[in-house]
Amino acid sequence: MGVLFNPLLIPIAAILMTVIIVGIVFWYNAREKELQYHQEMRVREMEHQRRMKELELEVEKVKAQQGRAA
């Protein structure tokens, strides 16, 4: 029973609980930033793919015009 009522146990438990709570908050914030970053990268990737398709169409138009001119 002496171990359960050790006066040092309460402050250690309080510090440990605070560290755990702060760790969870930091992890949550980091996860939110990571998800936001992934979403932004996905949007950029989609914009890049759209632009590449537009450029491919332009190249095909130029080739078709050169074929008619020759």
C-alpha atoms as a PDB file:
ATOM      1  CA  MET A   1       0.000   0.000   0.000  1.00  0.00           C
ATOM      2  CA  GLY A   2       2.984   2.308   0.432  1.00  0.00           C
ATOM      3  CA  VAL A   3       3.591   2.406  -3.310  1.00  0.00           C
ATOM      4  CA  LEU A   4       0.024   3.457  -4.135  1.00  0.00           C
ATOM      5  CA  PHE A   5       0.176   6.500  -1.865  1.00  0.00           C
ATOM      6  CA  ASN A   6       3.679   7.631  -2.708  1.00  0.00           C
ATOM      7  CA  PRO A   7       3.618  11.475  -2.670  1.00  0.00           C
ATOM      8  CA  LEU A   8       5.857  11.638  -5.754  1.00  0.00           C
ATOM      9  CA  LEU A   9       3.408   9.594  -7.815  1.00  0.00           C
ATOM     10  CA  ILE A  10       0.817  12.386  -8.187  1.00  0.00           C
ATOM     11  CA  PRO A  11       3.189  15.042  -9.629  1.00  0.00           C
ATOM     12  CA  ILE A  12       4.811  12.466 -11.922  1.00  0.00           C
ATOM     13  CA  ALA A  13       1.393  11.350 -13.152  1.00  0.00           C
ATOM     14  CA  ALA A  14       0.324  14.973 -13.703  1.00  0.00           C
ATOM     15  CA  ILE A  15       3.465  15.754 -15.708  1.00  0.00           C
ATOM     16  CA  LEU A  16       3.102  12.556 -17.705  1.00  0.00           C
ATOM     17  CA  MET A  17      -0.544  13.303 -18.468  1.00  0.00           C
ATOM     18  CA  THR A  18       0.392  16.843 -19.592  1.00  0.00           C
ATOM     19  CA  VAL A  19       3.128  15.491 -21.859  1.00  0.00           C
ATOM     20  CA  ILE A  20       0.706  12.983 -23.376  1.00  0.00           C
ATOM     21  CA  ILE A  21      -1.952  15.650 -23.996  1.00  0.00           C
ATOM     22  CA  VAL A  22       0.569  18.036 -25.582  1.00  0.00           C
ATOM     23  CA  GLY A  23       1.897  15.165 -27.704  1.00  0.00           C
ATOM     24  CA  ILE A  24      -1.591  14.300 -28.932  1.00  0.00           C
ATOM     25  CA  VAL A  25      -2.291  17.950 -29.822  1.00  0.00           C
ATOM     26  CA  PHE A  26       0.998  18.266 -31.729  1.00  0.00           C
ATOM     27  CA  TRP A  27       0.347  14.975 -33.542  1.00  0.00           C
ATOM     28  CA  TYR A  28      -3.156  16.115 -34.490  1.00  0.00           C
ATOM     29  CA  ASN A  29      -1.889  19.448 -35.816  1.00  0.00           C
ATOM     30  CA  ALA A  30       0.896  17.753 -37.769  1.00  0.00           C
ATOM     31  CA  ARG A  31      -1.584  15.287 -39.254  1.00  0.00           C
ATOM     32  CA  GLU A  32      -3.903  18.126 -40.304  1.00  0.00           C
ATOM     33  CA  LYS A  33      -1.002  19.927 -42.010  1.00  0.00           C
ATOM     34  CA  GLU A  34       0.036  16.700 -43.739  1.00  0.00           C
ATOM     35  CA  LEU A  35      -3.495  16.098 -45.042  1.00  0.00           C
ATOM     36  CA  GLN A  36      -3.713  19.699 -46.250  1.00  0.00           C
ATOM     37  CA  TYR A  37      -0.347  19.338 -47.999  1.00  0.00           C
ATOM     38  CA  HIS A  38      -1.470  16.127 -49.719  1.00  0.00           C
ATOM     39  CA  GLN A  39      -4.675  17.820 -50.863  1.00  0.00           C
ATOM     40  CA  GLU A  40      -2.741  20.776 -52.287  1.00  0.00           C
ATOM     41  CA  MET A  41      -0.351  18.421 -54.073  1.00  0.00           C
ATOM     42  CA  ARG A  42      -3.273  16.503 -55.573  1.00  0.00           C
ATOM     43  CA  VAL A  43      -4.811  19.739 -56.878  1.00  0.00           C
ATOM     44  CA  ARG A  44      -1.464  20.754 -58.393  1.00  0.00           C
ATOM     45  CA  GLU A  45      -1.091  17.327 -59.974  1.00  0.00           C
ATOM     46  CA  MET A  46      -4.549  17.574 -61.534  1.00  0.00           C
ATOM     47  CA  GLU A  47      -3.785  21.070 -62.857  1.00  0.00           C
ATOM     48  CA  HIS A  48      -0.499  19.785 -64.289  1.00  0.00           C
ATOM     49  CA  GLN A  49      -2.244  16.885 -66.034  1.00  0.00           C
ATOM     50  CA  ARG A  50      -4.841  19.275 -67.496  1.00  0.00           C
ATOM     51  CA  ARG A  51      -2.089  21.565 -68.782  1.00  0.00           C
ATOM     52  CA  MET A  52      -0.202  18.619 -70.299  1.00  0.00           C
ATOM     53  CA  LYS A  53      -3.343  17.532 -72.177  1.00  0.00           C
ATOM     54  CA  GLU A  54      -3.792  21.080 -73.475  1.00  0.00           C
ATOM     55  CA  LEU A  55      -0.182  21.117 -74.678  1.00  0.00           C
ATOM     56  CA  GLU A  56      -0.620  17.736 -76.381  1.00  0.00           C
ATOM     57  CA  LEU A  57      -3.648  19.103 -78.242  1.00  0.00           C
ATOM     58  CA  GLU A  58      -1.651  22.151 -79.317  1.00  0.00           C
ATOM     59  CA  VAL A  59       1.173  19.922 -80.595  1.00  0.00           C
ATOM     60  CA  GLU A  60      -1.314  17.834 -82.574  1.00  0.00           C
ATOM     61  CA  LYS A  61      -2.820  21.001 -84.091  1.00  0.00           C
ATOM     62  CA  VAL A  62       0.609  22.261 -85.126  1.00  0.00           C
ATOM     63  CA  LYS A  63       1.507  18.890 -86.643  1.00  0.00           C
ATOM     64  CA  ALA A  64      -1.802  18.829 -88.536  1.00  0.00           C
ATOM     65  CA  GLN A  65      -1.186  22.353 -89.859  1.00  0.00           C
ATOM     66  CA  GLN A  66       2.370  21.441 -90.920  1.00  0.00           C
ATOM     67  CA  GLY A  67       1.033  18.305 -92.640  1.00  0.00           C
ATOM     68  CA  ARG A  68      -1.449  20.358 -94.648  1.00  0.00           C
ATOM     69  CA  ALA A  69       1.169  22.979 -95.544  1.00  0.00           C
ATOM     70  CA  ALA A  70       3.670  20.428 -96.827  1.00  0.00           C
END
